[in-house]
Protein backbone atom coordinates (compact mmCIF):
# COMPACT_ATOMS: atom_id res chain seq x y z
CA MET A 1 45.34 -13.39 41.21
CA ALA A 2 42.90 -13.59 44.08
CA MET A 3 44.15 -12.23 47.41
CA SER A 4 43.16 -12.61 51.02
CA ASN A 5 41.40 -9.68 52.58
CA GLU A 6 40.91 -10.51 56.20
CA LYS A 7 40.64 -6.98 57.42
CA ASN A 8 38.21 -5.96 54.68
CA ASP A 9 39.71 -2.45 54.94
CA ARG A 10 37.30 0.39 54.97
CA THR A 11 37.92 3.79 53.47
CA LYS A 12 37.12 7.00 55.32
CA ARG A 13 35.76 8.67 52.19
CA SER A 14 36.20 8.54 48.43
CA PHE A 15 35.03 10.32 45.30
CA GLN A 16 35.55 9.85 41.61
CA GLN A 17 35.35 11.97 38.43
CA PHE A 18 34.47 10.07 35.18
CA ILE A 19 35.48 11.70 31.88
CA PHE A 20 33.87 10.62 28.58
CA PRO A 21 35.17 12.20 25.32
CA PHE A 22 33.11 12.49 22.12
CA MET A 23 33.01 14.39 18.79
CA LEU A 24 30.66 17.31 18.26
CA GLU A 25 29.03 18.23 14.99
CA GLY A 26 30.71 21.49 13.93
CA ASN A 27 27.60 23.28 12.72
CA LYS A 28 25.68 22.50 15.94
CA ILE A 29 28.26 23.54 18.59
CA GLU A 30 26.89 26.98 19.32
CA GLY A 31 23.35 25.57 19.36
CA PHE A 32 24.55 23.10 22.04
CA VAL A 33 25.97 25.95 24.09
CA LYS A 34 22.58 27.77 23.97
CA ARG A 35 20.80 24.53 24.98
CA LEU A 36 23.09 23.94 27.93
CA LEU A 37 22.55 27.48 29.26
CA LYS A 38 18.79 27.00 28.83
CA ASP A 39 19.04 23.75 30.81
CA ASP A 40 20.54 25.50 33.86
CA PHE A 41 24.18 24.72 33.08
CA VAL A 42 26.45 27.51 34.27
CA PHE A 43 29.52 28.73 32.35
CA LEU A 44 32.60 28.57 34.61
CA ASP A 45 34.11 32.07 34.83
CA LEU A 46 37.05 32.27 37.29
CA ASP A 47 36.01 35.83 38.17
CA ASN A 48 32.73 34.42 39.59
CA MET A 49 33.82 33.50 43.10
CA ASP A 50 30.30 32.26 43.95
CA LEU A 51 31.05 29.09 41.90
CA GLN A 52 34.00 28.03 44.02
CA ASP A 53 31.95 25.68 46.24
CA ASP A 54 28.96 24.95 43.98
CA PHE A 55 29.87 21.70 42.20
CA TYR A 56 32.25 19.74 44.51
CA GLY A 57 30.12 18.27 47.26
CA ASN A 58 31.52 19.54 50.59
CA HIS A 59 34.76 20.85 49.06
CA LYS A 60 35.80 24.14 47.61
CA VAL A 61 38.11 24.98 44.65
CA SER A 62 39.96 28.24 44.89
CA HIS A 63 39.81 30.06 41.49
CA ARG A 64 42.85 32.11 42.32
CA ASN A 65 44.86 28.95 43.05
CA LEU A 66 43.85 27.54 39.72
CA GLU A 67 45.22 30.61 37.88
CA GLN A 68 48.47 30.51 39.79
CA TYR A 69 49.00 26.76 39.23
CA PHE A 70 49.28 27.07 35.43
CA MET A 71 51.62 28.97 33.09
CA PRO A 72 50.18 32.36 31.93
CA ASN A 73 49.78 31.13 28.30
CA ILE A 74 47.77 28.12 29.45
CA VAL A 75 45.21 30.02 31.55
CA PRO A 76 43.25 31.47 28.60
CA ILE A 77 43.00 27.96 27.10
CA LEU A 78 41.74 26.29 30.25
CA PHE A 79 39.69 29.17 31.62
CA PRO A 80 38.29 31.32 28.87
CA SER A 81 36.60 34.49 30.20
CA SER A 82 33.41 34.16 28.07
CA SER A 83 31.12 31.41 26.90
CA LYS A 84 31.58 32.81 23.38
CA GLN A 85 35.39 32.49 23.43
CA LYS A 86 35.70 29.47 21.07
CA GLU A 87 39.47 29.32 21.19
CA GLY A 88 39.45 28.04 24.77
CA ILE A 89 38.10 24.92 26.56
CA ARG A 90 34.66 26.10 27.61
CA ARG A 91 33.21 24.48 30.71
CA PHE A 92 29.51 24.38 31.52
CA SER A 93 28.52 22.84 34.87
CA LYS A 94 25.31 21.85 36.58
CA LYS A 95 24.91 21.09 40.26
CA MET A 96 22.72 17.97 40.80
CA ASP A 97 23.28 16.26 44.21
CA LEU A 98 21.34 13.42 42.72
CA GLY A 99 20.95 10.22 44.83
CA CYS A 100 21.43 7.02 42.81
CA THR A 101 21.90 3.29 43.43
CA PHE A 102 24.37 0.82 42.03
CA ARG A 103 23.55 -2.89 41.98
CA SER A 104 25.62 -5.82 40.75
CA PRO A 105 26.28 -9.43 41.85
CA PHE A 106 29.05 -8.33 44.22
CA LEU A 107 28.04 -4.86 45.39
CA LYS A 108 24.89 -2.88 46.27
CA THR A 109 25.47 0.68 47.25
CA ALA A 110 24.03 4.22 47.09
CA PHE A 111 26.06 6.96 45.56
CA ILE A 112 25.61 10.66 44.75
CA ILE A 113 26.08 12.55 41.48
CA ASN A 114 27.33 15.88 42.83
CA SER A 115 27.50 17.62 39.53
CA ILE A 116 28.22 17.24 35.84
CA ASP A 117 30.43 19.25 33.43
CA ILE A 118 30.27 19.61 29.69
CA TYR A 119 33.56 20.77 28.09
CA ILE A 120 33.38 22.21 24.57
CA CYS A 121 36.90 22.25 23.14
CA PRO A 122 38.58 23.39 19.90
CA PHE A 123 38.79 20.81 17.05
CA HIS A 124 35.19 19.73 17.78
CA ILE A 125 36.11 17.72 20.85
CA GLY A 126 33.60 17.48 23.65
CA MET A 127 34.00 15.89 27.09
CA ILE A 128 31.56 15.00 29.89
CA ASN A 129 32.77 14.90 33.46
CA ILE A 130 30.62 13.23 36.09
CA ARG A 131 31.42 13.84 39.82
CA VAL A 132 30.51 10.92 42.04
CA THR A 133 30.73 10.63 45.85
CA LEU A 134 30.48 7.20 47.48
CA PRO A 135 29.31 6.55 51.05
CA GLU A 136 31.79 6.90 53.86
CA ASN A 137 33.39 3.78 55.37
CA LEU A 138 32.85 1.76 52.10
CA PRO A 139 35.31 -1.12 51.92
CA TYR A 140 38.42 -0.41 49.81
CA ASP A 141 37.67 -3.33 47.54
CA ASP A 142 34.17 -2.04 46.91
CA VAL A 143 35.49 1.35 45.93
CA LEU A 144 37.83 -0.20 43.35
CA TYR A 145 35.06 -2.48 42.05
CA PHE A 146 32.48 0.29 41.75
CA THR A 147 34.91 2.60 39.97
CA ASP A 148 36.03 -0.12 37.53
CA THR A 149 32.43 -1.23 36.80
CA PHE A 150 30.80 2.22 36.58
CA ARG A 151 33.36 3.53 34.05
CA ILE A 152 32.17 0.93 31.48
CA LEU A 153 29.74 2.82 29.29
CA GLU A 154 28.51 -0.20 27.48
CA PRO A 155 29.77 -3.75 28.08
CA ILE A 156 31.52 -5.20 25.07
CA ALA A 157 33.57 -8.06 26.35
CA GLU A 158 31.70 -11.19 27.40
CA ASP A 159 33.33 -11.29 30.90
CA GLU A 160 32.14 -7.82 31.82
CA ILE A 161 29.75 -8.23 34.75
CA GLU A 162 26.22 -7.00 34.48
CA MET A 163 25.09 -4.13 36.68
CA LYS A 164 22.21 -1.77 37.11
CA VAL A 165 22.11 1.92 37.96
CA GLY A 166 18.97 3.30 39.56
CA CYS A 167 18.03 6.99 39.52
CA ARG A 168 14.73 8.61 40.44
CA ASN A 169 12.21 5.93 39.40
CA ASN A 170 14.22 4.49 36.54
CA GLU A 171 16.77 1.71 36.24
CA TYR A 172 19.42 1.27 33.56
CA ASP A 173 21.48 -1.70 32.44
CA TYR A 174 24.13 0.48 30.81
CA VAL A 175 25.88 3.55 32.23
CA LYS A 176 25.66 5.08 28.73
CA ASP A 177 21.94 5.05 28.89
CA PHE A 178 21.97 6.45 32.41
CA VAL A 179 24.20 9.40 31.35
CA PHE A 180 22.21 10.35 28.23
CA ASN A 181 18.78 9.88 29.72
CA GLU A 182 19.15 11.14 33.31
CA LEU A 183 22.08 13.53 33.24
CA ILE A 184 22.27 15.19 29.81
CA PRO A 185 19.24 14.25 27.73
CA PRO A 186 19.75 16.74 24.91
CA ALA A 187 23.41 15.89 24.18
CA GLU A 188 22.73 13.13 21.64
CA LYS A 189 21.39 15.65 19.16
CA TYR A 190 24.79 17.37 18.99
CA ILE A 191 27.18 14.43 19.00
CA ASP A 192 28.78 13.50 15.66
CA ASP A 193 28.00 9.78 15.20
CA GLU A 194 28.62 9.45 11.49
CA GLU A 195 31.82 7.42 11.86
CA ASP A 196 31.54 3.75 10.76
CA HIS A 197 32.49 0.79 12.91
CA THR A 198 32.37 2.62 16.25
CA SER A 199 31.61 0.47 19.21
CA TYR A 200 28.76 2.56 20.61
CA PHE A 201 27.00 5.89 20.18
CA GLY A 202 29.42 8.80 20.32
CA SER A 203 32.50 6.54 20.34
CA LEU A 204 35.67 7.97 18.89
CA PRO A 205 37.05 5.77 16.04
CA PHE A 206 40.61 6.70 16.91
CA PHE A 207 40.46 6.27 20.68
CA VAL A 208 39.81 3.22 22.96
CA ASP A 209 37.10 4.91 25.01
CA GLU A 210 34.50 2.23 25.93
CA ARG A 211 35.77 2.90 29.46
CA MET A 212 35.68 6.43 30.83
CA PHE A 213 38.88 7.95 32.19
CA VAL A 214 38.78 8.29 35.96
CA LEU A 215 40.24 10.59 38.54
CA SER A 216 39.73 9.29 42.08
CA TYR A 217 40.49 10.33 45.62
CA THR A 218 40.58 7.80 48.44
CA ASN A 219 41.18 8.63 52.05
CA LEU A 220 42.19 5.71 54.32
CA PRO A 221 42.43 5.41 58.09
CA LYS A 222 45.61 6.71 59.71
CA ASP A 223 46.77 3.29 60.88
CA ARG A 224 46.29 1.67 57.46
CA GLU A 225 49.50 0.76 55.69
CA ILE A 226 49.52 1.65 51.97
CA THR A 227 51.55 -1.00 50.09
CA LYS A 228 52.89 -1.16 46.56
CA THR A 229 50.30 -3.86 45.82
CA ASP A 230 47.52 -1.45 46.98
CA LEU A 231 48.75 1.19 44.66
CA TYR A 232 49.03 -1.26 41.72
CA ARG A 233 45.45 -2.34 42.37
CA THR A 234 44.33 1.25 42.57
CA SER A 235 46.05 2.11 39.28
CA GLN A 236 44.50 -0.83 37.41
CA LEU A 237 41.19 -0.71 39.36
CA ASN A 238 41.51 -4.34 40.45
CA GLY A 239 38.38 -4.85 42.55
CA TYR A 240 36.77 -8.27 42.42
CA ASP A 241 37.30 -11.14 40.01
CA ASN A 242 34.51 -13.07 38.33
CA ASP A 243 34.01 -15.06 41.54
CA GLY A 244 33.63 -11.99 43.69
CA GLU A 245 37.05 -12.29 45.30
CA PRO A 246 39.44 -9.36 45.78
CA TYR A 247 42.32 -9.74 43.33
CA VAL A 248 45.57 -8.28 42.03
CA GLY A 249 46.21 -8.18 38.27
CA ALA A 250 49.89 -9.13 38.63
CA LEU A 251 51.71 -12.09 40.19
CA ASN A 252 55.34 -11.01 40.01
CA PRO A 253 56.51 -8.77 42.91
CA ASN A 254 59.39 -7.46 40.75
CA TYR A 255 56.90 -6.37 38.14
CA ILE A 256 54.87 -4.51 40.80
CA ASP A 257 58.14 -2.89 42.04
CA LYS A 258 58.99 -1.73 38.53
CA TYR A 259 55.46 -0.45 38.03
CA TYR A 260 55.64 1.47 41.25
CA LYS A 261 58.86 3.23 40.22
CA GLU A 262 57.39 4.20 36.79
CA ARG A 263 53.88 5.17 37.72
CA VAL A 264 53.78 6.28 41.41
CA TYR A 265 54.62 9.71 42.71
CA ASP A 266 55.71 9.17 46.32
CA ARG A 267 57.10 12.50 47.45
CA TRP A 268 54.90 12.39 50.54
CA GLY A 269 54.96 8.61 51.15
CA GLU A 270 54.12 7.02 53.56
CA GLU A 271 51.11 9.30 53.82
CA THR A 272 50.05 10.38 50.30
CA TYR A 273 50.60 8.83 46.90
CA TYR A 274 49.62 9.73 43.37
CA VAL A 275 49.43 7.00 40.76
CA THR A 276 48.87 7.29 37.01
CA SER A 277 47.80 4.83 34.32
CA GLU A 278 46.28 5.21 30.85
CA GLY A 279 42.79 5.01 32.33
CA HIS A 280 43.09 6.28 35.91
CA PHE A 281 44.71 9.04 37.93
CA ALA A 282 44.38 8.52 41.67
CA CYS A 283 45.31 10.11 44.98
CA VAL A 284 45.52 7.67 47.87
CA THR A 285 46.14 9.28 51.23
CA LYS A 286 45.94 8.99 55.01
CA ALA A 287 45.97 12.76 55.55
CA THR A 288 43.60 14.32 58.07
CA GLY A 289 42.27 17.75 58.89
CA LYS A 290 43.07 20.73 56.70
CA LEU A 291 45.60 18.78 54.64
CA GLU A 292 42.95 16.16 53.74
CA ASN A 293 40.57 18.95 52.55
CA GLN A 294 43.40 20.56 50.59
CA LEU A 295 44.28 17.34 48.77
CA ALA A 296 40.61 16.69 47.93
CA SER A 297 40.24 20.22 46.61
CA GLU A 298 43.31 19.85 44.43
CA MET A 299 41.88 16.69 42.88
CA TYR A 300 38.82 18.72 41.93
CA GLY A 301 40.89 21.74 40.90
CA GLN A 302 44.59 21.91 39.93
CA HIS A 303 45.18 18.19 39.39
CA PHE A 304 41.91 17.71 37.54
CA TYR A 305 42.66 20.53 35.07
CA SER A 306 46.27 19.32 34.49
CA MET A 307 44.97 15.80 33.71
CA LEU A 308 42.15 17.19 31.54
CA LEU A 309 44.59 19.23 29.42
CA TYR A 310 46.95 16.23 28.80
CA PHE A 311 43.94 14.05 28.10
CA TYR A 312 42.80 16.61 25.55
CA TYR A 313 46.28 16.75 24.01
CA LYS A 314 46.17 12.94 23.54
CA ILE A 315 42.78 12.92 21.93
CA VAL A 316 43.60 15.74 19.41
CA LEU A 317 46.96 14.20 18.49
CA LEU A 318 45.18 10.83 17.87
CA LYS A 319 42.51 12.65 15.86
CA LEU A 320 45.07 14.40 13.64
CA ALA A 321 46.80 11.06 12.96
CA HIS A 322 43.50 9.44 12.20
CA ASP A 323 42.50 12.24 9.84
CA HIS A 324 45.72 11.71 7.93
CA SER A 325 44.94 8.09 7.48
CA GLN A 326 41.54 8.88 5.99
CA ILE A 327 42.58 11.22 3.14
CA ASP A 328 44.02 10.50 -0.32
CA VAL A 329 46.84 13.01 -0.57
CA GLU A 330 46.80 13.17 -4.28
CA LYS A 331 43.03 13.44 -4.77
CA ASP A 332 41.89 15.33 -1.65
CA GLN A 333 44.12 18.42 -1.88
CA SER A 334 41.66 20.63 -0.01
CA ASP A 335 41.53 18.14 2.90
CA THR A 336 45.32 17.91 2.81
CA GLU A 337 45.62 21.69 3.12
CA LEU A 338 43.08 21.66 5.90
CA LEU A 339 44.95 18.99 7.84
CA ILE A 340 48.20 20.98 7.46
CA PHE A 341 46.37 24.00 8.86
CA MET A 342 44.91 21.98 11.78
CA ILE A 343 48.28 20.50 12.77
CA THR A 344 49.99 23.88 12.58
CA GLU A 345 47.25 25.57 14.60
CA PHE A 346 47.28 22.97 17.31
CA SER A 347 51.07 22.98 17.58
CA ALA A 348 51.27 26.79 17.70
CA LYS A 349 48.33 27.73 19.94
CA TYR A 350 47.54 24.74 22.21
CA LEU A 351 50.41 22.27 22.67
CA PHE A 352 53.04 23.63 25.09
CA ALA A 353 55.98 21.85 26.65
CA GLU A 354 55.44 23.60 30.03
CA VAL A 355 51.90 23.54 31.49
CA ASN A 356 52.31 23.81 35.28
CA SER A 357 54.00 26.76 36.97
CA THR A 358 54.87 24.87 40.23
CA PHE A 359 57.65 22.42 40.88
CA THR A 360 55.26 19.79 42.20
CA GLY A 361 52.98 20.17 39.21
CA LYS A 362 55.89 19.72 36.77
CA GLU A 363 57.16 16.65 38.55
CA LEU A 364 53.76 15.03 38.98
CA PHE A 365 52.49 15.56 35.52
CA LYS A 366 55.73 14.76 33.74
CA MET A 367 54.71 11.20 34.64
CA THR A 368 51.28 11.73 33.08
CA LYS A 369 52.81 13.09 29.91
CA GLU A 370 54.91 9.96 29.62
CA VAL A 371 52.00 7.59 30.29
CA PHE A 372 49.86 9.33 27.72
CA ARG A 373 52.80 9.24 25.23
CA ILE A 374 52.27 12.91 24.32
CA GLU A 375 55.81 13.37 22.98
CA PRO A 376 55.85 10.29 20.71
CA LEU A 377 52.30 11.15 19.43
CA TYR A 378 53.48 14.73 18.69
CA GLN A 379 56.56 13.46 16.89
CA GLU A 380 54.37 11.31 14.70
CA VAL A 381 52.16 14.24 13.87
CA LYS A 382 55.18 16.43 13.09
CA GLU A 383 56.44 13.76 10.66
CA THR A 384 52.97 13.72 9.11
CA LEU A 385 53.15 17.48 8.71
CA SER A 386 56.53 17.21 6.98
CA TYR A 387 55.24 14.53 4.72
CA LEU A 388 52.13 16.54 3.78
CA TYR A 389 54.28 19.61 2.99
CA GLN A 390 56.48 17.55 0.68
CA ASN A 391 53.55 16.03 -1.18
CA GLN A 392 51.78 19.36 -1.31
CA ASP A 393 54.90 20.96 -2.88
CA LYS A 394 55.02 18.18 -5.53
CA LEU A 395 51.32 18.50 -6.34
CA SER A 396 51.55 22.29 -6.45
CA GLY A 397 54.58 21.98 -8.75
CA LYS A 398 52.63 19.72 -11.09
CA SER A 399 49.63 22.11 -11.11
CA SER A 400 51.87 25.09 -11.79
CA ASN A 401 53.53 23.25 -14.68
CA TYR A 402 50.21 22.43 -16.27
CA LEU A 403 49.01 26.02 -15.85
CA LEU A 404 52.34 27.34 -17.23
CA GLN A 405 52.04 25.19 -20.29
CA ILE A 406 48.56 26.49 -21.04
CA LEU A 407 49.62 30.10 -20.45
CA THR A 408 52.74 29.61 -22.62
CA ILE A 409 50.62 28.38 -25.54
CA TYR A 410 48.32 31.43 -25.24
CA THR A 411 51.29 33.76 -24.87
CA VAL A 412 52.97 32.44 -27.99
CA ILE A 413 49.83 32.51 -30.15
CA SER A 414 48.75 35.86 -28.82
CA GLY A 415 52.19 37.29 -29.39
CA ILE A 416 52.21 36.12 -33.00
CA PHE A 417 48.80 37.56 -33.74
CA GLY A 418 49.43 40.64 -31.70
CA MET A 419 52.41 41.50 -33.77
CA ASN A 420 51.30 40.37 -37.18
CA LEU A 421 47.52 40.44 -37.33
CA TYR A 422 46.10 43.47 -35.56
CA ILE A 423 42.33 43.59 -36.31
CA GLU A 424 41.28 47.18 -36.45
CA ASP A 425 37.63 46.04 -36.94
CA TRP A 426 37.47 45.09 -33.23
CA GLN A 427 37.67 48.72 -32.25
CA LYS A 428 34.22 49.42 -33.73
CA LYS A 429 30.84 47.73 -33.68
CA LEU A 430 30.78 44.67 -35.84
CA THR A 431 27.86 43.08 -37.69
CA LEU A 432 27.29 39.44 -38.48
CA GLU A 433 28.26 40.07 -42.10
CA ASP A 434 31.63 41.48 -40.97
CA TYR A 435 32.31 38.30 -38.99
CA MET A 436 31.31 36.16 -42.01
CA ASN A 437 34.00 37.94 -44.09
CA TYR A 438 36.78 37.03 -41.67
CA THR A 439 39.69 34.94 -42.87
CA LEU A 440 40.91 31.77 -41.12
CA TYR A 441 43.61 33.67 -39.40
CA GLU A 442 41.23 36.30 -38.12
CA TRP A 443 38.89 33.55 -36.77
CA VAL A 444 41.90 32.02 -34.95
CA ALA A 445 42.61 35.43 -33.39
CA VAL A 446 38.96 35.69 -32.25
CA LEU A 447 38.93 32.26 -30.75
CA VAL A 448 42.32 32.70 -28.93
CA THR A 449 41.32 36.08 -27.53
CA SER A 450 37.82 35.04 -26.48
CA SER A 451 38.84 31.73 -24.90
CA GLY A 452 41.77 33.44 -23.11
CA LEU A 453 39.39 35.99 -21.59
CA ILE A 454 36.87 33.33 -20.63
CA ILE A 455 39.52 31.04 -19.05
CA SER A 456 41.01 33.94 -17.14
CA PHE A 457 37.63 34.98 -15.69
CA VAL A 458 36.68 31.40 -14.86
CA MET A 459 39.95 30.64 -13.20
CA GLY A 460 39.85 33.85 -11.20
CA PHE A 461 36.30 33.11 -10.03
CA LEU A 462 37.13 29.54 -9.07
CA PHE A 463 40.27 30.63 -7.18
CA LEU A 464 38.38 33.24 -5.22
CA LYS A 465 35.53 30.75 -4.44
CA LYS A 466 37.99 28.10 -3.30
CA TRP A 467 39.92 30.58 -1.17
CA LEU A 468 36.76 31.79 0.64
CA GLN A 469 35.57 28.18 1.19
CA GLU A 470 38.92 27.15 2.61
CA GLN A 471 39.01 30.11 5.00
CA LYS A 472 35.50 29.34 6.18
CA SER A 473 36.20 25.55 6.43
CA ARG A 474 39.36 26.09 8.44
CA LYS A 475 37.64 28.09 11.08
CA LYS A 476 34.76 25.67 11.33
CA LYS A 477 37.08 22.63 11.53
CA VAL A 478 39.00 24.07 14.47
CA LEU A 479 36.30 26.09 16.27
């Protein structure tokens, strides 16, 4: 629905963070880490206080506040102390302050890439975070339009408007090409792109990710009223329609009221609001002075990491459900055991009911947890785990029965011959002539004994080999 915009409201300032998830090739992850460090990316260590104001434009993120905002068991996951600590979400950042241009039929503007992060996470998940600052006093509609358009990595739908991103002396039709050519050129070598039927390079087959997830901060003039319609437009990034007119994606005021109650955190209304959707987390505020700087820093710091963790939870849970759909439980017993291990490992070490240590954090991100459907997804994975255990028990029972039958036959035959046909000749060196003089029963004893020894050695070797492979595979699949 198009809307009138007589005032053409201008924002005081705004910035965005665009998150793009992808899969990493397991055997290339540590090579990727070395390449990032070689390309001037810096590992984020909270003990390094010099990094507090390196990557966030004119803002600063307190490392001590980050530690205090999260539960003690979450801190080692979000902020590992070493770049070699594979169990945590390792962050590598690079300061850029790169001037770029955005051009489309309805907007031409400059913008700045402040910095870029690469997150290397357990379960072979990787994420790119791009920090963007828009010019001051940009119209509110332009901010929404830019954010909605820039987050499209590669246009798929026919009605997605063409745009161009300029950087240095190059110009790109697709944001995907801009990211992989200008920001992180080496990344394509390490991304797992073997999945079939994905929509573009690096796309996850189990996640609708042709649009990057966005965290945004918008500061409006003090005399500007923030309405429910404004917050709905912000949540859905309703900028301009195909005719270049500002629009709202809903006609029914009751629907917008209901949406407001479910998705907007208004503890500090009428000044500051937080709104959450599946593709966007936003802070819209009229705060000034120190409070404005504090809110901006929180969007780079505490709120960003809370959102990142829940976003990661959602991706891993979807990945585990997808992996289950790809295996044949009866044929792929090793894959089944590996999936059981992955689900158990994730549930025990990474997925926690309480993430934030503050009352505000718990309230605010309870809404995010609901929007991302973390609990229903986890219940689905738990049911998958129960199903896999049941099938694994059945298959293990069948294998045990087959093995028991074989061993029973050997036990009975060996018992008979052991009691009634002891061959003293075997205690000494035998010649070919001695073997040729064996009776039928003695030959049966030779075959039973020899085959029993061979089968025992072969089964022992295969079991040990499988066990070692599974231990190695499990570690690689997670880390």
